[in-house]
């Protein structure tokens, strides 16, 4: 359901568990931005947002990873650091805007190169 203060919610959880489903990429972005480790299978929008460090190869490894995040404080802390690093390098607004500008510049160059033909 709806959460009024998602950042406060994520401050109270130890992991973002993403069972096989469609959707959730935006929620995953907020989670990694707050340093919440993600557990997901290696496909879909959550997997692309969270990145390969948070993929589980199959359902058994998904459960193992979720259990490890619950049981092992040091593992959870290390995964939190990875989550924040992923956000800082891929998801945050500054990098997203720069990537969008780079795509636009590439498209402009391709159109300009094609216009001369």
PDB file of N, CA and C in Angstrom:
ATOM      1  N   UNK A   1       0.808  -1.186   0.000  1.00  0.00           N
ATOM      2  CA  UNK A   1       0.000   0.000   0.000  1.00  0.00           C
ATOM      3  C   UNK A   1       0.857   1.257   0.000  1.00  0.00           C
ATOM      4  N   UNK A   2       0.202   2.382   0.099  1.00  0.00           N
ATOM      5  CA  UNK A   2       0.873   3.678   0.086  1.00  0.00           C
ATOM      6  C   UNK A   2       1.579   3.929   1.418  1.00  0.00           C
ATOM      7  N   UNK A   3       2.772   4.472   1.349  1.00  0.00           N
ATOM      8  CA  UNK A   3       3.544   4.864   2.529  1.00  0.00           C
ATOM      9  C   UNK A   3       3.795   6.358   2.431  1.00  0.00           C
ATOM     10  N   UNK A   4       3.376   7.105   3.438  1.00  0.00           N
ATOM     11  CA  UNK A   4       3.522   8.564   3.398  1.00  0.00           C
ATOM     12  C   UNK A   4       4.967   9.033   3.407  1.00  0.00           C
ATOM     13  N   UNK A   5       5.823   8.367   4.157  1.00  0.00           N
ATOM     14  CA  UNK A   5       7.224   8.771   4.255  1.00  0.00           C
ATOM     15  C   UNK A   5       8.105   7.555   3.981  1.00  0.00           C
ATOM     16  N   UNK A   6       8.396   7.321   2.716  1.00  0.00           N
ATOM     17  CA  UNK A   6       9.128   6.127   2.311  1.00  0.00           C
ATOM     18  C   UNK A   6      10.536   6.093   2.901  1.00  0.00           C
ATOM     19  N   UNK A   7      11.159   7.251   3.053  1.00  0.00           N
ATOM     20  CA  UNK A   7      12.506   7.286   3.638  1.00  0.00           C
ATOM     21  C   UNK A   7      12.481   6.844   5.097  1.00  0.00           C
ATOM     22  N   UNK A   8      11.483   7.256   5.837  1.00  0.00           N
ATOM     23  CA  UNK A   8      11.352   6.823   7.236  1.00  0.00           C
ATOM     24  C   UNK A   8      11.070   5.321   7.298  1.00  0.00           C
ATOM     25  N   UNK A   9      10.272   4.836   6.370  1.00  0.00           N
ATOM     26  CA  UNK A   9       9.991   3.403   6.306  1.00  0.00           C
ATOM     27  C   UNK A   9      11.272   2.620   6.048  1.00  0.00           C
ATOM     28  N   UNK A  10      12.052   3.045   5.044  1.00  0.00           N
ATOM     29  CA  UNK A  10      13.279   2.328   4.708  1.00  0.00           C
ATOM     30  C   UNK A  10      14.317   2.409   5.821  1.00  0.00           C
ATOM     31  N   UNK A  11      14.254   3.419   6.662  1.00  0.00           N
ATOM     32  CA  UNK A  11      15.179   3.511   7.793  1.00  0.00           C
ATOM     33  C   UNK A  11      14.909   2.411   8.822  1.00  0.00           C
ATOM     34  N   UNK A  12      13.749   1.772   8.744  1.00  0.00           N
ATOM     35  CA  UNK A  12      13.361   0.758   9.720  1.00  0.00           C
ATOM     36  C   UNK A  12      13.467  -0.667   9.197  1.00  0.00           C
ATOM     37  N   UNK A  13      13.829  -0.844   7.927  1.00  0.00           N
ATOM     38  CA  UNK A  13      13.876  -2.197   7.364  1.00  0.00           C
ATOM     39  C   UNK A  13      15.316  -2.607   7.069  1.00  0.00           C
ATOM     40  N   UNK A  14      15.547  -3.909   6.982  1.00  0.00           N
ATOM     41  CA  UNK A  14      16.892  -4.413   6.736  1.00  0.00           C
ATOM     42  C   UNK A  14      17.152  -4.815   5.301  1.00  0.00           C
ATOM     43  N   UNK A  15      16.077  -4.957   4.500  1.00  0.00           N
ATOM     44  CA  UNK A  15      16.254  -5.383   3.117  1.00  0.00           C
ATOM     45  C   UNK A  15      15.000  -5.057   2.316  1.00  0.00           C
ATOM     46  N   UNK A  16      15.190  -4.911   1.019  1.00  0.00           N
ATOM     47  CA  UNK A  16      14.096  -4.759   0.062  1.00  0.00           C
ATOM     48  C   UNK A  16      13.979  -6.093  -0.661  1.00  0.00           C
ATOM     49  N   UNK A  17      12.964  -6.869  -0.323  1.00  0.00           N
ATOM     50  CA  UNK A  17      12.768  -8.181  -0.929  1.00  0.00           C
ATOM     51  C   UNK A  17      11.814  -8.030  -2.107  1.00  0.00           C
ATOM     52  N   UNK A  18      12.283  -8.430  -3.268  1.00  0.00           N
ATOM     53  CA  UNK A  18      11.489  -8.311  -4.484  1.00  0.00           C
ATOM     54  C   UNK A  18      11.187  -9.699  -5.035  1.00  0.00           C
ATOM     55  N   UNK A  19      10.017 -10.246  -4.694  1.00  0.00           N
ATOM     56  CA  UNK A  19       9.650 -11.538  -5.266  1.00  0.00           C
ATOM     57  C   UNK A  19       9.366 -11.374  -6.761  1.00  0.00           C
ATOM     58  N   UNK A  20       9.346 -12.478  -7.501  1.00  0.00           N
ATOM     59  CA  UNK A  20       9.037 -12.367  -8.928  1.00  0.00           C
ATOM     60  C   UNK A  20       7.699 -11.659  -9.151  1.00  0.00           C
ATOM     61  N   UNK A  21       7.756 -10.530  -9.814  1.00  0.00           N
ATOM     62  CA  UNK A  21       6.572  -9.729 -10.115  1.00  0.00           C
ATOM     63  C   UNK A  21       6.974  -8.656 -11.108  1.00  0.00           C
ATOM     64  N   UNK A  22       6.012  -7.917 -11.598  1.00  0.00           N
ATOM     65  CA  UNK A  22       6.305  -6.796 -12.488  1.00  0.00           C
ATOM     66  C   UNK A  22       6.201  -5.514 -11.680  1.00  0.00           C
ATOM     67  N   UNK A  23       7.122  -4.586 -11.921  1.00  0.00           N
ATOM     68  CA  UNK A  23       7.102  -3.314 -11.212  1.00  0.00           C
ATOM     69  C   UNK A  23       8.052  -3.301 -10.036  1.00  0.00           C
ATOM     70  N   UNK A  24       8.211  -2.124  -9.455  1.00  0.00           N
ATOM     71  CA  UNK A  24       9.034  -1.983  -8.269  1.00  0.00           C
ATOM     72  C   UNK A  24      10.353  -1.268  -8.469  1.00  0.00           C
ATOM     73  N   UNK A  25      10.675  -0.885  -9.701  1.00  0.00           N
ATOM     74  CA  UNK A  25      11.955  -0.230  -9.961  1.00  0.00           C
ATOM     75  C   UNK A  25      12.111   1.082  -9.214  1.00  0.00           C
ATOM     76  N   UNK A  26      11.059   1.879  -9.168  1.00  0.00           N
ATOM     77  CA  UNK A  26      11.122   3.147  -8.436  1.00  0.00           C
ATOM     78  C   UNK A  26      11.319   2.926  -6.947  1.00  0.00           C
ATOM     79  N   UNK A  27      10.615   1.963  -6.393  1.00  0.00           N
ATOM     80  CA  UNK A  27      10.763   1.638  -4.978  1.00  0.00           C
ATOM     81  C   UNK A  27      12.173   1.136  -4.681  1.00  0.00           C
ATOM     82  N   UNK A  28      12.716   0.352  -5.597  1.00  0.00           N
ATOM     83  CA  UNK A  28      14.082  -0.143  -5.416  1.00  0.00           C
ATOM     84  C   UNK A  28      15.079   1.005  -5.445  1.00  0.00           C
ATOM     85  N   UNK A  29      14.855   1.992  -6.306  1.00  0.00           N
ATOM     86  CA  UNK A  29      15.747   3.145  -6.361  1.00  0.00           C
ATOM     87  C   UNK A  29      15.739   3.897  -5.035  1.00  0.00           C
ATOM     88  N   UNK A  30      14.551   4.107  -4.468  1.00  0.00           N
ATOM     89  CA  UNK A  30      14.479   4.748  -3.156  1.00  0.00           C
ATOM     90  C   UNK A  30      15.199   3.901  -2.113  1.00  0.00           C
ATOM     91  N   UNK A  31      15.025   2.583  -2.178  1.00  0.00           N
ATOM     92  CA  UNK A  31      15.644   1.696  -1.198  1.00  0.00           C
ATOM     93  C   UNK A  31      17.161   1.801  -1.248  1.00  0.00           C
ATOM     94  N   UNK A  32      17.757   1.643  -2.435  1.00  0.00           N
ATOM     95  CA  UNK A  32      19.219   1.691  -2.485  1.00  0.00           C
ATOM     96  C   UNK A  32      19.738   3.079  -2.150  1.00  0.00           C
ATOM     97  N   UNK A  33      18.952   4.102  -2.450  1.00  0.00           N
ATOM     98  CA  UNK A  33      19.334   5.463  -2.068  1.00  0.00           C
ATOM     99  C   UNK A  33      19.432   5.631  -0.561  1.00  0.00           C
ATOM    100  N   UNK A  34      18.645   4.844   0.153  1.00  0.00           N
ATOM    101  CA  UNK A  34      18.662   4.877   1.619  1.00  0.00           C
ATOM    102  C   UNK A  34      19.596   3.818   2.191  1.00  0.00           C
ATOM    103  N   UNK A  35      20.302   3.099   1.309  1.00  0.00           N
ATOM    104  CA  UNK A  35      21.242   2.087   1.774  1.00  0.00           C
ATOM    105  C   UNK A  35      20.592   0.767   2.154  1.00  0.00           C
ATOM    106  N   UNK A  36      19.401   0.520   1.641  1.00  0.00           N
ATOM    107  CA  UNK A  36      18.714  -0.735   1.933  1.00  0.00           C
ATOM    108  C   UNK A  36      19.107  -1.764   0.871  1.00  0.00           C
ATOM    109  N   UNK A  37      19.712  -2.875   1.277  1.00  0.00           N
ATOM    110  CA  UNK A  37      20.080  -3.904   0.311  1.00  0.00           C
ATOM    111  C   UNK A  37      18.845  -4.514  -0.351  1.00  0.00           C
ATOM    112  N   UNK A  38      19.004  -4.930  -1.585  1.00  0.00           N
ATOM    113  CA  UNK A  38      17.921  -5.510  -2.364  1.00  0.00           C
ATOM    114  C   UNK A  38      18.185  -7.003  -2.556  1.00  0.00           C
ATOM    115  N   UNK A  39      17.122  -7.769  -2.559  1.00  0.00           N
ATOM    116  CA  UNK A  39      17.191  -9.172  -2.942  1.00  0.00           C
ATOM    117  C   UNK A  39      16.183  -9.360  -4.069  1.00  0.00           C
ATOM    118  N   UNK A  40      16.680  -9.731  -5.238  1.00  0.00           N
ATOM    119  CA  UNK A  40      15.817  -9.921  -6.401  1.00  0.00           C
ATOM    120  C   UNK A  40      16.426 -10.973  -7.311  1.00  0.00           C
ATOM    121  N   UNK A  41      15.624 -11.502  -8.174  1.00  0.00           N
ATOM    122  CA  UNK A  41      16.141 -12.386  -9.207  1.00  0.00           C
ATOM    123  C   UNK A  41      16.752 -11.512 -10.301  1.00  0.00           C
ATOM    124  N   UNK A  42      17.493 -12.089 -11.206  1.00  0.00           N
ATOM    125  CA  UNK A  42      18.271 -11.307 -12.168  1.00  0.00           C
ATOM    126  C   UNK A  42      17.536 -10.835 -13.396  1.00  0.00           C
ATOM    127  N   UNK A  43      16.274 -10.463 -13.275  1.00  0.00           N
ATOM    128  CA  UNK A  43      15.524  -9.934 -14.412  1.00  0.00           C
ATOM    129  C   UNK A  43      14.486  -8.927 -13.912  1.00  0.00           C
ATOM    130  N   UNK A  44      14.022  -8.074 -14.784  1.00  0.00           N
ATOM    131  CA  UNK A  44      12.987  -7.103 -14.443  1.00  0.00           C
ATOM    132  C   UNK A  44      13.551  -5.761 -14.044  1.00  0.00           C
ATOM    133  N   UNK A  45      12.628  -4.833 -13.770  1.00  0.00           N
ATOM    134  CA  UNK A  45      13.052  -3.461 -13.504  1.00  0.00           C
ATOM    135  C   UNK A  45      13.787  -3.308 -12.183  1.00  0.00           C
ATOM    136  N   UNK A  46      13.428  -4.060 -11.147  1.00  0.00           N
ATOM    137  CA  UNK A  46      14.161  -3.975  -9.882  1.00  0.00           C
ATOM    138  C   UNK A  46      15.592  -4.456 -10.081  1.00  0.00           C
ATOM    139  N   UNK A  47      15.765  -5.542 -10.815  1.00  0.00           N
ATOM    140  CA  UNK A  47      17.113  -6.073 -11.075  1.00  0.00           C
ATOM    141  C   UNK A  47      17.961  -5.064 -11.826  1.00  0.00           C
ATOM    142  N   UNK A  48      17.370  -4.370 -12.800  1.00  0.00           N
ATOM    143  CA  UNK A  48      18.164  -3.399 -13.564  1.00  0.00           C
ATOM    144  C   UNK A  48      18.507  -2.176 -12.724  1.00  0.00           C
ATOM    145  N   UNK A  49      17.629  -1.776 -11.831  1.00  0.00           N
ATOM    146  CA  UNK A  49      17.910  -0.642 -10.953  1.00  0.00           C
ATOM    147  C   UNK A  49      18.939  -1.024  -9.892  1.00  0.00           C
ATOM    148  N   UNK A  50      18.727  -2.155  -9.240  1.00  0.00           N
ATOM    149  CA  UNK A  50      19.603  -2.558  -8.136  1.00  0.00           C
ATOM    150  C   UNK A  50      20.984  -2.990  -8.613  1.00  0.00           C
ATOM    151  N   UNK A  51      21.051  -3.615  -9.777  1.00  0.00           N
ATOM    152  CA  UNK A  51      22.332  -4.051 -10.307  1.00  0.00           C
ATOM    153  C   UNK A  51      22.685  -5.462  -9.893  1.00  0.00           C
ATOM    154  N   UNK A  52      23.686  -6.022 -10.558  1.00  0.00           N
ATOM    155  CA  UNK A  52      24.018  -7.445 -10.386  1.00  0.00           C
ATOM    156  C   UNK A  52      24.487  -7.845  -8.991  1.00  0.00           C
ATOM    157  N   UNK A  53      24.966  -6.924  -8.189  1.00  0.00           N
ATOM    158  CA  UNK A  53      25.382  -7.285  -6.828  1.00  0.00           C
ATOM    159  C   UNK A  53      24.208  -7.760  -5.972  1.00  0.00           C
ATOM    160  N   UNK A  54      22.998  -7.480  -6.415  1.00  0.00           N
ATOM    161  CA  UNK A  54      21.813  -7.805  -5.622  1.00  0.00           C
ATOM    162  C   UNK A  54      20.953  -8.886  -6.262  1.00  0.00           C
ATOM    163  N   UNK A  55      21.444  -9.509  -7.320  1.00  0.00           N
ATOM    164  CA  UNK A  55      20.698 -10.573  -7.996  1.00  0.00           C
ATOM    165  C   UNK A  55      20.934 -11.911  -7.319  1.00  0.00           C
ATOM    166  N   UNK A  56      19.887 -12.687  -7.229  1.00  0.00           N
ATOM    167  CA  UNK A  56      19.986 -14.083  -6.805  1.00  0.00           C
ATOM    168  C   UNK A  56      19.758 -14.936  -8.047  1.00  0.00           C
ATOM    169  N   UNK A  57      20.557 -15.986  -8.196  1.00  0.00           N
ATOM    170  CA  UNK A  57      20.499 -16.811  -9.402  1.00  0.00           C
ATOM    171  C   UNK A  57      19.201 -17.617  -9.515  1.00  0.00           C
ATOM    172  N   UNK A  58      18.621 -17.964  -8.377  1.00  0.00           N
ATOM    173  CA  UNK A  58      17.394 -18.764  -8.388  1.00  0.00           C
ATOM    174  C   UNK A  58      16.671 -18.562  -7.059  1.00  0.00           C
ATOM    175  N   UNK A  59      15.520 -19.212  -6.916  1.00  0.00           N
ATOM    176  CA  UNK A  59      14.711 -19.015  -5.706  1.00  0.00           C
ATOM    177  C   UNK A  59      15.438 -19.465  -4.431  1.00  0.00           C
ATOM    178  N   UNK A  60      16.185 -20.538  -4.515  1.00  0.00           N
ATOM    179  CA  UNK A  60      16.907 -21.018  -3.329  1.00  0.00           C
ATOM    180  C   UNK A  60      17.930 -19.983  -2.874  1.00  0.00           C
ATOM    181  N   UNK A  61      18.659 -19.408  -3.804  1.00  0.00           N
ATOM    182  CA  UNK A  61      19.654 -18.381  -3.442  1.00  0.00           C
ATOM    183  C   UNK A  61      18.975 -17.082  -2.996  1.00  0.00           C
ATOM    184  N   UNK A  62      17.806 -16.821  -3.534  1.00  0.00           N
ATOM    185  CA  UNK A  62      17.017 -15.666  -3.091  1.00  0.00           C
ATOM    186  C   UNK A  62      16.732 -15.800  -1.592  1.00  0.00           C
ATOM    187  N   UNK A  63      16.245 -16.957  -1.180  1.00  0.00           N
ATOM    188  CA  UNK A  63      15.925 -17.203   0.227  1.00  0.00           C
ATOM    189  C   UNK A  63      17.193 -17.170   1.073  1.00  0.00           C
ATOM    190  N   UNK A  64      18.274 -17.770   0.590  1.00  0.00           N
ATOM    191  CA  UNK A  64      19.543 -17.753   1.321  1.00  0.00           C
ATOM    192  C   UNK A  64      20.029 -16.324   1.547  1.00  0.00           C
ATOM    193  N   UNK A  65      19.950 -15.517   0.513  1.00  0.00           N
ATOM    194  CA  UNK A  65      20.410 -14.125   0.608  1.00  0.00           C
ATOM    195  C   UNK A  65      19.560 -13.324   1.586  1.00  0.00           C
ATOM    196  N   UNK A  66      18.248 -13.497   1.497  1.00  0.00           N
ATOM    197  CA  UNK A  66      17.343 -12.801   2.429  1.00  0.00           C
ATOM    198  C   UNK A  66      17.637 -13.212   3.862  1.00  0.00           C
ATOM    199  N   UNK A  67      17.841 -14.509   4.090  1.00  0.00           N
ATOM    200  CA  UNK A  67      18.141 -15.009   5.437  1.00  0.00           C
ATOM    201  C   UNK A  67      19.477 -14.468   5.934  1.00  0.00           C
ATOM    202  N   UNK A  68      20.458 -14.396   5.042  1.00  0.00           N
ATOM    203  CA  UNK A  68      21.776 -13.872   5.441  1.00  0.00           C
ATOM    204  C   UNK A  68      21.683 -12.403   5.833  1.00  0.00           C
ATOM    205  N   UNK A  69      20.896 -11.630   5.111  1.00  0.00           N
ATOM    206  CA  UNK A  69      20.729 -10.216   5.465  1.00  0.00           C
ATOM    207  C   UNK A  69      20.074 -10.065   6.833  1.00  0.00           C
ATOM    208  N   UNK A  70      19.177 -10.969   7.158  1.00  0.00           N
ATOM    209  CA  UNK A  70      18.519 -10.942   8.457  1.00  0.00           C
ATOM    210  C   UNK A  70      19.476 -11.360   9.572  1.00  0.00           C
ATOM    211  N   UNK A  71      20.260 -12.407   9.316  1.00  0.00           N
ATOM    212  CA  UNK A  71      21.056 -13.021  10.380  1.00  0.00           C
ATOM    213  C   UNK A  71      22.440 -12.413  10.576  1.00  0.00           C
ATOM    214  N   UNK A  72      23.004 -11.837   9.544  1.00  0.00           N
ATOM    215  CA  UNK A  72      24.409 -11.407   9.585  1.00  0.00           C
ATOM    216  C   UNK A  72      24.506  -9.879   9.478  1.00  0.00           C
ATOM    217  N   UNK A  73      24.707  -9.245  10.618  1.00  0.00           N
ATOM    218  CA  UNK A  73      24.761  -7.783  10.672  1.00  0.00           C
ATOM    219  C   UNK A  73      25.882  -7.225   9.807  1.00  0.00           C
ATOM    220  N   UNK A  74      27.036  -7.855   9.819  1.00  0.00           N
ATOM    221  CA  UNK A  74      28.166  -7.360   9.019  1.00  0.00           C
ATOM    222  C   UNK A  74      27.878  -7.476   7.523  1.00  0.00           C
ATOM    223  N   UNK A  75      27.280  -8.573   7.115  1.00  0.00           N
ATOM    224  CA  UNK A  75      26.898  -8.738   5.708  1.00  0.00           C
ATOM    225  C   UNK A  75      25.898  -7.661   5.310  1.00  0.00           C
ATOM    226  N   UNK A  76      24.910  -7.413   6.173  1.00  0.00           N
ATOM    227  CA  UNK A  76      23.899  -6.382   5.892  1.00  0.00           C
ATOM    228  C   UNK A  76      24.550  -5.008   5.778  1.00  0.00           C
ATOM    229  N   UNK A  77      25.505  -4.702   6.653  1.00  0.00           N
ATOM    230  CA  UNK A  77      26.197  -3.410   6.580  1.00  0.00           C
ATOM    231  C   UNK A  77      26.987  -3.283   5.285  1.00  0.00           C
ATOM    232  N   UNK A  78      27.679  -4.337   4.890  1.00  0.00           N
ATOM    233  CA  UNK A  78      28.454  -4.313   3.639  1.00  0.00           C
ATOM    234  C   UNK A  78      27.527  -4.146   2.435  1.00  0.00           C
ATOM    235  N   UNK A  79      26.384  -4.816   2.471  1.00  0.00           N
ATOM    236  CA  UNK A  79      25.423  -4.695   1.379  1.00  0.00           C
ATOM    237  C   UNK A  79      24.802  -3.296   1.343  1.00  0.00           C
ATOM    238  N   UNK A  80      24.656  -2.690   2.504  1.00  0.00           N
ATOM    239  CA  UNK A  80      24.150  -1.317   2.567  1.00  0.00           C
ATOM    240  C   UNK A  80      25.118  -0.352   1.887  1.00  0.00           C
ATOM    241  N   UNK A  81      26.399  -0.551   2.118  1.00  0.00           N
ATOM    242  CA  UNK A  81      27.423   0.276   1.465  1.00  0.00           C
ATOM    243  C   UNK A  81      27.349   0.097  -0.054  1.00  0.00           C
ATOM    244  N   UNK A  82      27.210  -1.161  -0.505  1.00  0.00           N
ATOM    245  CA  UNK A  82      27.078  -1.424  -1.949  1.00  0.00           C
ATOM    246  C   UNK A  82      25.827  -0.768  -2.521  1.00  0.00           C
ATOM    247  N   UNK A  83      24.730  -0.806  -1.767  1.00  0.00           N
ATOM    248  CA  UNK A  83      23.484  -0.197  -2.231  1.00  0.00           C
ATOM    249  C   UNK A  83      23.666   1.307  -2.433  1.00  0.00           C
ATOM    250  N   UNK A  84      24.249   1.968  -1.455  1.00  0.00           N
ATOM    251  CA  UNK A  84      24.469   3.413  -1.571  1.00  0.00           C
ATOM    252  C   UNK A  84      25.402   3.733  -2.733  1.00  0.00           C
ATOM    253  N   UNK A  85      26.432   2.919  -2.920  1.00  0.00           N
ATOM    254  CA  UNK A  85      27.366   3.139  -4.031  1.00  0.00           C
ATOM    255  C   UNK A  85      26.647   2.971  -5.367  1.00  0.00           C
ATOM    256  N   UNK A  86      25.780   1.969  -5.468  1.00  0.00           N
ATOM    257  CA  UNK A  86      25.014   1.762  -6.696  1.00  0.00           C
ATOM    258  C   UNK A  86      24.155   2.984  -6.984  1.00  0.00           C
ATOM    259  N   UNK A  87      23.486   3.486  -5.975  1.00  0.00           N
ATOM    260  CA  UNK A  87      22.642   4.672  -6.143  1.00  0.00           C
ATOM    261  C   UNK A  87      23.478   5.870  -6.601  1.00  0.00           C
ATOM    262  N   UNK A  88      24.598   6.063  -5.946  1.00  0.00           N
ATOM    263  CA  UNK A  88      25.447   7.218  -6.265  1.00  0.00           C
ATOM    264  C   UNK A  88      26.003   7.173  -7.679  1.00  0.00           C
ATOM    265  N   UNK A  89      26.206   5.982  -8.222  1.00  0.00           N
ATOM    266  CA  UNK A  89      26.815   5.891  -9.546  1.00  0.00           C
ATOM    267  C   UNK A  89      25.823   5.665 -10.669  1.00  0.00           C
ATOM    268  N   UNK A  90      24.599   5.255 -10.363  1.00  0.00           N
ATOM    269  CA  UNK A  90      23.670   4.901 -11.434  1.00  0.00           C
ATOM    270  C   UNK A  90      22.332   5.622 -11.348  1.00  0.00           C
ATOM    271  N   UNK A  91      21.786   5.763 -10.170  1.00  0.00           N
ATOM    272  CA  UNK A  91      20.391   6.168 -10.050  1.00  0.00           C
ATOM    273  C   UNK A  91      20.198   7.643  -9.715  1.00  0.00           C
ATOM    274  N   UNK A  92      21.103   8.251  -8.999  1.00  0.00           N
ATOM    275  CA  UNK A  92      20.807   9.592  -8.500  1.00  0.00           C
ATOM    276  C   UNK A  92      20.561  10.582  -9.633  1.00  0.00           C
ATOM    277  N   UNK A  93      19.871  11.639  -9.319  1.00  0.00           N
ATOM    278  CA  UNK A  93      19.400  12.606 -10.306  1.00  0.00           C
ATOM    279  C   UNK A  93      20.535  13.223 -11.116  1.00  0.00           C
ATOM    280  N   UNK A  94      21.629  13.560 -10.469  1.00  0.00           N
ATOM    281  CA  UNK A  94      22.745  14.198 -11.178  1.00  0.00           C
ATOM    282  C   UNK A  94      23.272  13.275 -12.274  1.00  0.00           C
ATOM    283  N   UNK A  95      23.496  12.008 -11.939  1.00  0.00           N
ATOM    284  CA  UNK A  95      23.993  11.066 -12.941  1.00  0.00           C
ATOM    285  C   UNK A  95      22.934  10.767 -13.997  1.00  0.00           C
ATOM    286  N   UNK A  96      21.677  10.679 -13.578  1.00  0.00           N
ATOM    287  CA  UNK A  96      20.611  10.409 -14.533  1.00  0.00           C
ATOM    288  C   UNK A  96      20.490  11.534 -15.549  1.00  0.00           C
ATOM    289  N   UNK A  97      20.564  12.766 -15.093  1.00  0.00           N
ATOM    290  CA  UNK A  97      20.484  13.909 -16.004  1.00  0.00           C
ATOM    291  C   UNK A  97      21.676  13.909 -16.947  1.00  0.00           C
ATOM    292  N   UNK A  98      22.859  13.632 -16.439  1.00  0.00           N
ATOM    293  CA  UNK A  98      24.040  13.597 -17.303  1.00  0.00           C
ATOM    294  C   UNK A  98      23.913  12.498 -18.348  1.00  0.00           C
ATOM    295  N   UNK A  99      23.429  11.332 -17.952  1.00  0.00           N
ATOM    296  CA  UNK A  99      23.246  10.249 -18.924  1.00  0.00           C
ATOM    297  C   UNK A  99      22.229  10.640 -19.980  1.00  0.00           C
ATOM    298  N   UNK A 100      21.147  11.296 -19.581  1.00  0.00           N
ATOM    299  CA  UNK A 100      20.143  11.752 -20.545  1.00  0.00           C
ATOM    300  C   UNK A 100      20.744  12.766 -21.519  1.00  0.00           C
ATOM    301  N   UNK A 101      21.522  13.701 -21.004  1.00  0.00           N
ATOM    302  CA  UNK A 101      22.179  14.674 -21.876  1.00  0.00           C
ATOM    303  C   UNK A 101      23.152  13.996 -22.843  1.00  0.00           C
ATOM    304  N   UNK A 102      23.880  12.998 -22.357  1.00  0.00           N
ATOM    305  CA  UNK A 102      24.795  12.252 -23.223  1.00  0.00           C
ATOM    306  C   UNK A 102      24.035  11.536 -24.332  1.00  0.00           C
ATOM    307  N   UNK A 103      22.883  10.929 -24.000  1.00  0.00           N
ATOM    308  CA  UNK A 103      22.067  10.264 -25.026  1.00  0.00           C
ATOM    309  C   UNK A 103      21.575  11.267 -26.056  1.00  0.00           C
ATOM    310  N   UNK A 104      21.144  12.434 -25.592  1.00  0.00           N
ATOM    311  CA  UNK A 104      20.663  13.472 -26.514  1.00  0.00           C
ATOM    312  C   UNK A 104      21.786  13.939 -27.434  1.00  0.00           C
ATOM    313  N   UNK A 105      22.961  14.110 -26.899  1.00  0.00           N
ATOM    314  CA  UNK A 105      24.097  14.535 -27.717  1.00  0.00           C
ATOM    315  C   UNK A 105      24.450  13.469 -28.745  1.00  0.00           C
ATOM    316  N   UNK A 106      24.408  12.216 -28.333  1.00  0.00           N
ATOM    317  CA  UNK A 106      24.679  11.130 -29.279  1.00  0.00           C
ATOM    318  C   UNK A 106      23.637  11.117 -30.400  1.00  0.00           C
ATOM    319  N   UNK A 107      22.376  11.285 -30.046  1.00  0.00           N
ATOM    320  CA  UNK A 107      21.314  11.326 -31.061  1.00  0.00           C
ATOM    321  C   UNK A 107      21.504  12.518 -31.993  1.00  0.00           C
ATOM    322  N   UNK A 108      21.872  13.666 -31.435  1.00  0.00           N
ATOM    323  CA  UNK A 108      22.104  14.852 -32.270  1.00  0.00           C
ATOM    324  C   UNK A 108      23.218  14.596 -33.274  1.00  0.00           C
ATOM    325  N   UNK A 109      24.305  13.975 -32.805  1.00  0.00           N
ATOM    326  CA  UNK A 109      25.427  13.672 -33.710  1.00  0.00           C
ATOM    327  C   UNK A 109      25.017  12.696 -34.807  1.00  0.00           C
ATOM    328  N   UNK A 110      24.239  11.691 -34.443  1.00  0.00           N
ATOM    329  CA  UNK A 110      23.790  10.705 -35.440  1.00  0.00           C
ATOM    330  C   UNK A 110      22.884  11.354 -36.478  1.00  0.00           C
ATOM    331  N   UNK A 111      21.989  12.215 -36.030  1.00  0.00           N
ATOM    332  CA  UNK A 111      21.102  12.908 -36.971  1.00  0.00           C
ATOM    333  C   UNK A 111      21.914  13.828 -37.863  1.00  0.00           C
ATOM    334  N   UNK A 112      22.855  14.558 -37.271  1.00  0.00           N
ATOM    335  CA  UNK A 112      23.685  15.474 -38.069  1.00  0.00           C
ATOM    336  C   UNK A 112      24.526  14.711 -39.095  1.00  0.00           C
ATOM    337  N   UNK A 113      25.048  13.551 -38.699  1.00  0.00           N
ATOM    338  CA  UNK A 113      25.849  12.747 -39.616  1.00  0.00           C
ATOM    339  C   UNK A 113      24.986  12.202 -40.745  1.00  0.00           C
ATOM    340  N   UNK A 114      23.758  11.836 -40.432  1.00  0.00           N
ATOM    341  CA  UNK A 114      22.845  11.312 -41.455  1.00  0.00           C
ATOM    342  C   UNK A 114      22.293  12.380 -42.365  1.00  0.00           C
ATOM    343  N   UNK A 115      22.228  13.623 -41.889  1.00  0.00           N
ATOM    344  CA  UNK A 115      21.673  14.721 -42.685  1.00  0.00           C
ATOM    345  C   UNK A 115      22.564  15.058 -43.867  1.00  0.00           C
ATOM    346  N   UNK A 116      23.846  14.737 -43.775  1.00  0.00           N
ATOM    347  CA  UNK A 116      24.775  15.061 -44.861  1.00  0.00           C
ATOM    348  C   UNK A 116      24.736  14.050 -45.986  1.00  0.00           C
ATOM    349  N   UNK A 117      24.000  12.958 -45.821  1.00  0.00           N
ATOM    350  CA  UNK A 117      23.953  11.908 -46.854  1.00  0.00           C
ATOM    351  C   UNK A 117      22.914  12.192 -47.898  1.00  0.00           C
TER     352      UNK A 117
END
